Amino acid sequence: KSIEMIRQAQLLPLTGYVHGGCSPLGMKKQFTTVLDESARGRETMTVSAGRIGAQVELAPDDLCRLSRGSFAPVGK
């Protein structure tokens, strides 16, 4: 019914990643990845590559497939 981002103070203990280095790809622990449905209309999108200052650009469908994610109406 609702979702929210992980609070910054909980990020490192929960995921093993520092703020700015948390990526939906190659997670140490598989968390659910949900992309807003509006992403489907984009040719590409950019997400963290798992290190501060590193990004990867890919098609939303590829991100969804690689992260074992799903599309849903999550935006307001």
PDB file of N, CA and C in Angstrom:
ATOM      1  N   LYS A   1       0.808  -1.194   0.000  1.00  0.00           N
ATOM      2  CA  LYS A   1       0.000   0.000   0.000  1.00  0.00           C
ATOM      3  C   LYS A   1       0.851   1.258   0.000  1.00  0.00           C
ATOM      4  N   SER A   2       2.057   1.152   0.579  1.00  0.00           N
ATOM      5  CA  SER A   2       2.948   2.310   0.550  1.00  0.00           C
ATOM      6  C   SER A   2       4.397   1.833   0.531  1.00  0.00           C
ATOM      7  N   ILE A   3       5.257   2.687   0.011  1.00  0.00           N
ATOM      8  CA  ILE A   3       6.685   2.395  -0.007  1.00  0.00           C
ATOM      9  C   ILE A   3       7.427   3.653   0.404  1.00  0.00           C
ATOM     10  N   GLU A   4       8.647   3.483   0.834  1.00  0.00           N
ATOM     11  CA  GLU A   4       9.476   4.640   1.139  1.00  0.00           C
ATOM     12  C   GLU A   4      10.931   4.232   0.999  1.00  0.00           C
ATOM     13  N   MET A   5      11.782   5.229   0.829  1.00  0.00           N
ATOM     14  CA  MET A   5      13.222   4.973   0.743  1.00  0.00           C
ATOM     15  C   MET A   5      13.722   4.593   2.131  1.00  0.00           C
ATOM     16  N   ILE A   6      14.803   3.828   2.161  1.00  0.00           N
ATOM     17  CA  ILE A   6      15.441   3.478   3.427  1.00  0.00           C
ATOM     18  C   ILE A   6      16.060   4.739   4.009  1.00  0.00           C
ATOM     19  N   ARG A   7      15.875   4.967   5.292  1.00  0.00           N
ATOM     20  CA  ARG A   7      16.471   6.138   5.934  1.00  0.00           C
ATOM     21  C   ARG A   7      17.988   6.020   5.894  1.00  0.00           C
ATOM     22  N   GLN A   8      18.651   7.167   5.728  1.00  0.00           N
ATOM     23  CA  GLN A   8      20.104   7.180   5.571  1.00  0.00           C
ATOM     24  C   GLN A   8      20.823   6.501   6.729  1.00  0.00           C
ATOM     25  N   ALA A   9      20.361   6.702   7.941  1.00  0.00           N
ATOM     26  CA  ALA A   9      21.009   6.089   9.113  1.00  0.00           C
ATOM     27  C   ALA A   9      20.913   4.561   9.084  1.00  0.00           C
ATOM     28  N   GLN A  10      19.906   4.019   8.412  1.00  0.00           N
ATOM     29  CA  GLN A  10      19.710   2.572   8.344  1.00  0.00           C
ATOM     30  C   GLN A  10      20.394   1.944   7.131  1.00  0.00           C
ATOM     31  N   LEU A  11      20.812   2.771   6.182  1.00  0.00           N
ATOM     32  CA  LEU A  11      21.304   2.268   4.902  1.00  0.00           C
ATOM     33  C   LEU A  11      22.528   1.359   5.044  1.00  0.00           C
ATOM     34  N   LEU A  12      23.588   1.820   5.672  1.00  0.00           N
ATOM     35  CA  LEU A  12      24.815   1.026   5.793  1.00  0.00           C
ATOM     36  C   LEU A  12      24.600  -0.252   6.594  1.00  0.00           C
ATOM     37  N   PRO A  13      23.995  -0.192   7.788  1.00  0.00           N
ATOM     38  CA  PRO A  13      23.805  -1.447   8.531  1.00  0.00           C
ATOM     39  C   PRO A  13      22.898  -2.453   7.816  1.00  0.00           C
ATOM     40  N   LEU A  14      21.911  -1.953   7.096  1.00  0.00           N
ATOM     41  CA  LEU A  14      20.937  -2.834   6.447  1.00  0.00           C
ATOM     42  C   LEU A  14      21.440  -3.401   5.123  1.00  0.00           C
ATOM     43  N   THR A  15      22.096  -2.545   4.317  1.00  0.00           N
ATOM     44  CA  THR A  15      22.468  -2.958   2.963  1.00  0.00           C
ATOM     45  C   THR A  15      23.953  -3.205   2.758  1.00  0.00           C
ATOM     46  N   GLY A  16      24.788  -2.607   3.602  1.00  0.00           N
ATOM     47  CA  GLY A  16      26.227  -2.692   3.399  1.00  0.00           C
ATOM     48  C   GLY A  16      26.760  -1.613   2.480  1.00  0.00           C
ATOM     49  N   TYR A  17      25.891  -0.707   2.042  1.00  0.00           N
ATOM     50  CA  TYR A  17      26.288   0.380   1.143  1.00  0.00           C
ATOM     51  C   TYR A  17      26.226   1.720   1.860  1.00  0.00           C
ATOM     52  N   VAL A  18      27.124   2.631   1.453  1.00  0.00           N
ATOM     53  CA  VAL A  18      27.091   3.991   1.975  1.00  0.00           C
ATOM     54  C   VAL A  18      26.129   4.810   1.133  1.00  0.00           C
ATOM     55  N   HIS A  19      25.656   5.909   1.694  1.00  0.00           N
ATOM     56  CA  HIS A  19      24.774   6.823   0.966  1.00  0.00           C
ATOM     57  C   HIS A  19      25.494   7.313  -0.288  1.00  0.00           C
ATOM     58  N   GLY A  20      24.861   7.197  -1.434  1.00  0.00           N
ATOM     59  CA  GLY A  20      25.472   7.586  -2.697  1.00  0.00           C
ATOM     60  C   GLY A  20      26.092   6.420  -3.433  1.00  0.00           C
ATOM     61  N   GLY A  21      26.174   5.274  -2.796  1.00  0.00           N
ATOM     62  CA  GLY A  21      26.768   4.097  -3.430  1.00  0.00           C
ATOM     63  C   GLY A  21      25.826   2.918  -3.470  1.00  0.00           C
ATOM     64  N   CYS A  22      24.560   3.169  -3.199  1.00  0.00           N
ATOM     65  CA  CYS A  22      23.560   2.098  -3.165  1.00  0.00           C
ATOM     66  C   CYS A  22      22.967   1.926  -4.563  1.00  0.00           C
ATOM     67  N   SER A  23      23.104   0.755  -5.125  1.00  0.00           N
ATOM     68  CA  SER A  23      22.668   0.483  -6.490  1.00  0.00           C
ATOM     69  C   SER A  23      21.612  -0.615  -6.522  1.00  0.00           C
ATOM     70  N   PRO A  24      20.672  -0.543  -7.467  1.00  0.00           N
ATOM     71  CA  PRO A  24      19.716  -1.639  -7.622  1.00  0.00           C
ATOM     72  C   PRO A  24      20.342  -2.863  -8.292  1.00  0.00           C
ATOM     73  N   LEU A  25      21.572  -2.730  -8.754  1.00  0.00           N
ATOM     74  CA  LEU A  25      22.255  -3.832  -9.446  1.00  0.00           C
ATOM     75  C   LEU A  25      23.370  -4.396  -8.577  1.00  0.00           C
ATOM     76  N   GLY A  26      23.489  -5.685  -8.524  1.00  0.00           N
ATOM     77  CA  GLY A  26      24.567  -6.333  -7.797  1.00  0.00           C
ATOM     78  C   GLY A  26      24.494  -6.162  -6.288  1.00  0.00           C
ATOM     79  N   MET A  27      23.285  -6.096  -5.750  1.00  0.00           N
ATOM     80  CA  MET A  27      23.122  -5.922  -4.306  1.00  0.00           C
ATOM     81  C   MET A  27      23.695  -7.112  -3.545  1.00  0.00           C
ATOM     82  N   LYS A  28      24.268  -6.819  -2.390  1.00  0.00           N
ATOM     83  CA  LYS A  28      24.786  -7.879  -1.526  1.00  0.00           C
ATOM     84  C   LYS A  28      23.631  -8.696  -0.958  1.00  0.00           C
ATOM     85  N   LYS A  29      22.521  -8.033  -0.675  1.00  0.00           N
ATOM     86  CA  LYS A  29      21.289  -8.673  -0.231  1.00  0.00           C
ATOM     87  C   LYS A  29      20.206  -8.197  -1.188  1.00  0.00           C
ATOM     88  N   GLN A  30      19.433  -9.107  -1.750  1.00  0.00           N
ATOM     89  CA  GLN A  30      18.455  -8.748  -2.770  1.00  0.00           C
ATOM     90  C   GLN A  30      17.233  -8.067  -2.158  1.00  0.00           C
ATOM     91  N   PHE A  31      17.140  -6.754  -2.377  1.00  0.00           N
ATOM     92  CA  PHE A  31      15.965  -6.005  -1.960  1.00  0.00           C
ATOM     93  C   PHE A  31      15.048  -5.841  -3.160  1.00  0.00           C
ATOM     94  N   THR A  32      13.786  -5.612  -2.912  1.00  0.00           N
ATOM     95  CA  THR A  32      12.825  -5.401  -3.981  1.00  0.00           C
ATOM     96  C   THR A  32      13.108  -4.077  -4.674  1.00  0.00           C
ATOM     97  N   THR A  33      13.183  -4.111  -5.998  1.00  0.00           N
ATOM     98  CA  THR A  33      13.368  -2.904  -6.800  1.00  0.00           C
ATOM     99  C   THR A  33      12.077  -2.630  -7.539  1.00  0.00           C
ATOM    100  N   VAL A  34      11.548  -1.423  -7.369  1.00  0.00           N
ATOM    101  CA  VAL A  34      10.314  -1.025  -8.039  1.00  0.00           C
ATOM    102  C   VAL A  34      10.588   0.258  -8.808  1.00  0.00           C
ATOM    103  N   LEU A  35      10.267   0.259 -10.078  1.00  0.00           N
ATOM    104  CA  LEU A  35      10.415   1.430 -10.925  1.00  0.00           C
ATOM    105  C   LEU A  35       9.034   2.011 -11.194  1.00  0.00           C
ATOM    106  N   ASP A  36       8.926   3.325 -11.148  1.00  0.00           N
ATOM    107  CA  ASP A  36       7.637   3.949 -11.453  1.00  0.00           C
ATOM    108  C   ASP A  36       7.278   3.658 -12.913  1.00  0.00           C
ATOM    109  N   GLU A  37       5.993   3.481 -13.168  1.00  0.00           N
ATOM    110  CA  GLU A  37       5.522   3.163 -14.516  1.00  0.00           C
ATOM    111  C   GLU A  37       5.949   4.200 -15.542  1.00  0.00           C
ATOM    112  N   SER A  38       6.153   5.448 -15.105  1.00  0.00           N
ATOM    113  CA  SER A  38       6.553   6.500 -16.039  1.00  0.00           C
ATOM    114  C   SER A  38       7.929   6.233 -16.633  1.00  0.00           C
ATOM    115  N   ALA A  39       8.739   5.389 -16.004  1.00  0.00           N
ATOM    116  CA  ALA A  39      10.067   5.065 -16.525  1.00  0.00           C
ATOM    117  C   ALA A  39       9.982   4.272 -17.819  1.00  0.00           C
ATOM    118  N   ARG A  40       8.895   3.562 -18.031  1.00  0.00           N
ATOM    119  CA  ARG A  40       8.747   2.750 -19.252  1.00  0.00           C
ATOM    120  C   ARG A  40       8.813   3.593 -20.510  1.00  0.00           C
ATOM    121  N   GLY A  41       8.406   4.846 -20.422  1.00  0.00           N
ATOM    122  CA  GLY A  41       8.401   5.722 -21.592  1.00  0.00           C
ATOM    123  C   GLY A  41       9.754   6.326 -21.913  1.00  0.00           C
ATOM    124  N   ARG A  42      10.746   6.065 -21.092  1.00  0.00           N
ATOM    125  CA  ARG A  42      12.081   6.646 -21.316  1.00  0.00           C
ATOM    126  C   ARG A  42      12.953   5.690 -22.119  1.00  0.00           C
ATOM    127  N   GLU A  43      13.818   6.281 -22.933  1.00  0.00           N
ATOM    128  CA  GLU A  43      14.746   5.464 -23.701  1.00  0.00           C
ATOM    129  C   GLU A  43      15.816   4.878 -22.784  1.00  0.00           C
ATOM    130  N   THR A  44      16.373   5.721 -21.902  1.00  0.00           N
ATOM    131  CA  THR A  44      17.362   5.270 -20.936  1.00  0.00           C
ATOM    132  C   THR A  44      17.136   5.980 -19.607  1.00  0.00           C
ATOM    133  N   MET A  45      17.767   5.471 -18.580  1.00  0.00           N
ATOM    134  CA  MET A  45      17.778   6.115 -17.270  1.00  0.00           C
ATOM    135  C   MET A  45      19.132   5.856 -16.630  1.00  0.00           C
ATOM    136  N   THR A  46      19.470   6.651 -15.643  1.00  0.00           N
ATOM    137  CA  THR A  46      20.765   6.540 -14.986  1.00  0.00           C
ATOM    138  C   THR A  46      20.556   6.184 -13.525  1.00  0.00           C
ATOM    139  N   VAL A  47      21.287   5.174 -13.053  1.00  0.00           N
ATOM    140  CA  VAL A  47      21.220   4.752 -11.648  1.00  0.00           C
ATOM    141  C   VAL A  47      22.638   4.607 -11.111  1.00  0.00           C
ATOM    142  N   SER A  48      22.753   4.538  -9.806  1.00  0.00           N
ATOM    143  CA  SER A  48      24.054   4.350  -9.180  1.00  0.00           C
ATOM    144  C   SER A  48      24.677   3.041  -9.646  1.00  0.00           C
ATOM    145  N   ALA A  49      25.995   3.079  -9.824  1.00  0.00           N
ATOM    146  CA  ALA A  49      26.727   1.878 -10.223  1.00  0.00           C
ATOM    147  C   ALA A  49      27.373   1.185  -9.025  1.00  0.00           C
ATOM    148  N   GLY A  50      27.038   1.624  -7.810  1.00  0.00           N
ATOM    149  CA  GLY A  50      27.525   0.948  -6.619  1.00  0.00           C
ATOM    150  C   GLY A  50      28.705   1.612  -5.936  1.00  0.00           C
ATOM    151  N   ARG A  51      29.160   2.745  -6.453  1.00  0.00           N
ATOM    152  CA  ARG A  51      30.216   3.526  -5.807  1.00  0.00           C
ATOM    153  C   ARG A  51      29.833   4.999  -5.914  1.00  0.00           C
ATOM    154  N   ILE A  52      30.256   5.771  -4.967  1.00  0.00           N
ATOM    155  CA  ILE A  52      29.973   7.196  -4.994  1.00  0.00           C
ATOM    156  C   ILE A  52      30.590   7.792  -6.255  1.00  0.00           C
ATOM    157  N   GLY A  53      29.770   8.512  -7.012  1.00  0.00           N
ATOM    158  CA  GLY A  53      30.235   9.172  -8.231  1.00  0.00           C
ATOM    159  C   GLY A  53      30.207   8.316  -9.477  1.00  0.00           C
ATOM    160  N   ALA A  54      29.793   7.064  -9.374  1.00  0.00           N
ATOM    161  CA  ALA A  54      29.739   6.175 -10.543  1.00  0.00           C
ATOM    162  C   ALA A  54      28.284   5.853 -10.868  1.00  0.00           C
ATOM    163  N   GLN A  55      27.921   6.047 -12.135  1.00  0.00           N
ATOM    164  CA  GLN A  55      26.566   5.759 -12.579  1.00  0.00           C
ATOM    165  C   GLN A  55      26.606   4.854 -13.801  1.00  0.00           C
ATOM    166  N   VAL A  56      25.472   4.221 -14.062  1.00  0.00           N
ATOM    167  CA  VAL A  56      25.316   3.401 -15.256  1.00  0.00           C
ATOM    168  C   VAL A  56      24.018   3.842 -15.934  1.00  0.00           C
ATOM    169  N   GLU A  57      24.064   3.955 -17.259  1.00  0.00           N
ATOM    170  CA  GLU A  57      22.889   4.346 -18.032  1.00  0.00           C
ATOM    171  C   GLU A  57      22.393   3.117 -18.794  1.00  0.00           C
ATOM    172  N   LEU A  58      21.113   2.828 -18.666  1.00  0.00           N
ATOM    173  CA  LEU A  58      20.543   1.675 -19.338  1.00  0.00           C
ATOM    174  C   LEU A  58      19.055   1.882 -19.554  1.00  0.00           C
ATOM    175  N   ALA A  59      18.471   1.044 -20.378  1.00  0.00           N
ATOM    176  CA  ALA A  59      17.036   1.112 -20.644  1.00  0.00           C
ATOM    177  C   ALA A  59      16.261   0.649 -19.404  1.00  0.00           C
ATOM    178  N   PRO A  60      15.122   1.291 -19.114  1.00  0.00           N
ATOM    179  CA  PRO A  60      14.324   0.875 -17.953  1.00  0.00           C
ATOM    180  C   PRO A  60      13.951  -0.601 -17.962  1.00  0.00           C
ATOM    181  N   ASP A  61      13.615  -1.150 -19.120  1.00  0.00           N
ATOM    182  CA  ASP A  61      13.275  -2.579 -19.178  1.00  0.00           C
ATOM    183  C   ASP A  61      14.470  -3.446 -18.806  1.00  0.00           C
ATOM    184  N   ASP A  62      15.681  -3.023 -19.211  1.00  0.00           N
ATOM    185  CA  ASP A  62      16.887  -3.772 -18.850  1.00  0.00           C
ATOM    186  C   ASP A  62      17.151  -3.690 -17.351  1.00  0.00           C
ATOM    187  N   LEU A  63      16.980  -2.493 -16.768  1.00  0.00           N
ATOM    188  CA  LEU A  63      17.161  -2.342 -15.323  1.00  0.00           C
ATOM    189  C   LEU A  63      16.176  -3.224 -14.569  1.00  0.00           C
ATOM    190  N   CYS A  64      14.943  -3.227 -15.006  1.00  0.00           N
ATOM    191  CA  CYS A  64      13.918  -4.046 -14.348  1.00  0.00           C
ATOM    192  C   CYS A  64      14.282  -5.532 -14.429  1.00  0.00           C
ATOM    193  N   ARG A  65      14.719  -5.971 -15.580  1.00  0.00           N
ATOM    194  CA  ARG A  65      15.085  -7.383 -15.767  1.00  0.00           C
ATOM    195  C   ARG A  65      16.319  -7.744 -14.943  1.00  0.00           C
ATOM    196  N   LEU A  66      17.359  -6.911 -15.002  1.00  0.00           N
ATOM    197  CA  LEU A  66      18.608  -7.217 -14.303  1.00  0.00           C
ATOM    198  C   LEU A  66      18.475  -7.166 -12.783  1.00  0.00           C
ATOM    199  N   SER A  67      17.592  -6.288 -12.296  1.00  0.00           N
ATOM    200  CA  SER A  67      17.405  -6.151 -10.846  1.00  0.00           C
ATOM    201  C   SER A  67      16.296  -7.057 -10.322  1.00  0.00           C
ATOM    202  N   ARG A  68      15.682  -7.817 -11.227  1.00  0.00           N
ATOM    203  CA  ARG A  68      14.517  -8.653 -10.883  1.00  0.00           C
ATOM    204  C   ARG A  68      13.415  -7.792 -10.272  1.00  0.00           C
ATOM    205  N   GLY A  69      13.291  -6.589 -10.818  1.00  0.00           N
ATOM    206  CA  GLY A  69      12.319  -5.630 -10.302  1.00  0.00           C
ATOM    207  C   GLY A  69      10.990  -5.694 -11.022  1.00  0.00           C
ATOM    208  N   SER A  70      10.204  -4.658 -10.775  1.00  0.00           N
ATOM    209  CA  SER A  70       8.894  -4.566 -11.418  1.00  0.00           C
ATOM    210  C   SER A  70       8.545  -3.093 -11.601  1.00  0.00           C
ATOM    211  N   PHE A  71       7.575  -2.850 -12.453  1.00  0.00           N
ATOM    212  CA  PHE A  71       7.038  -1.516 -12.671  1.00  0.00           C
ATOM    213  C   PHE A  71       5.724  -1.405 -11.890  1.00  0.00           C
ATOM    214  N   ALA A  72       5.502  -0.252 -11.291  1.00  0.00           N
ATOM    215  CA  ALA A  72       4.256  -0.009 -10.545  1.00  0.00           C
ATOM    216  C   ALA A  72       4.035   1.489 -10.464  1.00  0.00           C
ATOM    217  N   PRO A  73       2.794   1.920 -10.228  1.00  0.00           N
ATOM    218  CA  PRO A  73       2.514   3.350 -10.098  1.00  0.00           C
ATOM    219  C   PRO A  73       2.916   3.851  -8.696  1.00  0.00           C
ATOM    220  N   VAL A  74       4.188   4.194  -8.539  1.00  0.00           N
ATOM    221  CA  VAL A  74       4.678   4.590  -7.205  1.00  0.00           C
ATOM    222  C   VAL A  74       4.810   6.100  -7.039  1.00  0.00           C
ATOM    223  N   GLY A  75       4.842   6.867  -8.130  1.00  0.00           N
ATOM    224  CA  GLY A  75       4.979   8.319  -8.042  1.00  0.00           C
ATOM    225  C   GLY A  75       3.665   8.989  -7.689  1.00  0.00           C
ATOM    226  N   LYS A  76       3.792  10.184  -7.129  1.00  0.00           N
ATOM    227  CA  LYS A  76       2.578  10.952  -6.808  1.00  0.00           C
ATOM    228  C   LYS A  76       2.292  11.946  -7.899  1.00  0.00           C
TER     229      LYS A  76
END
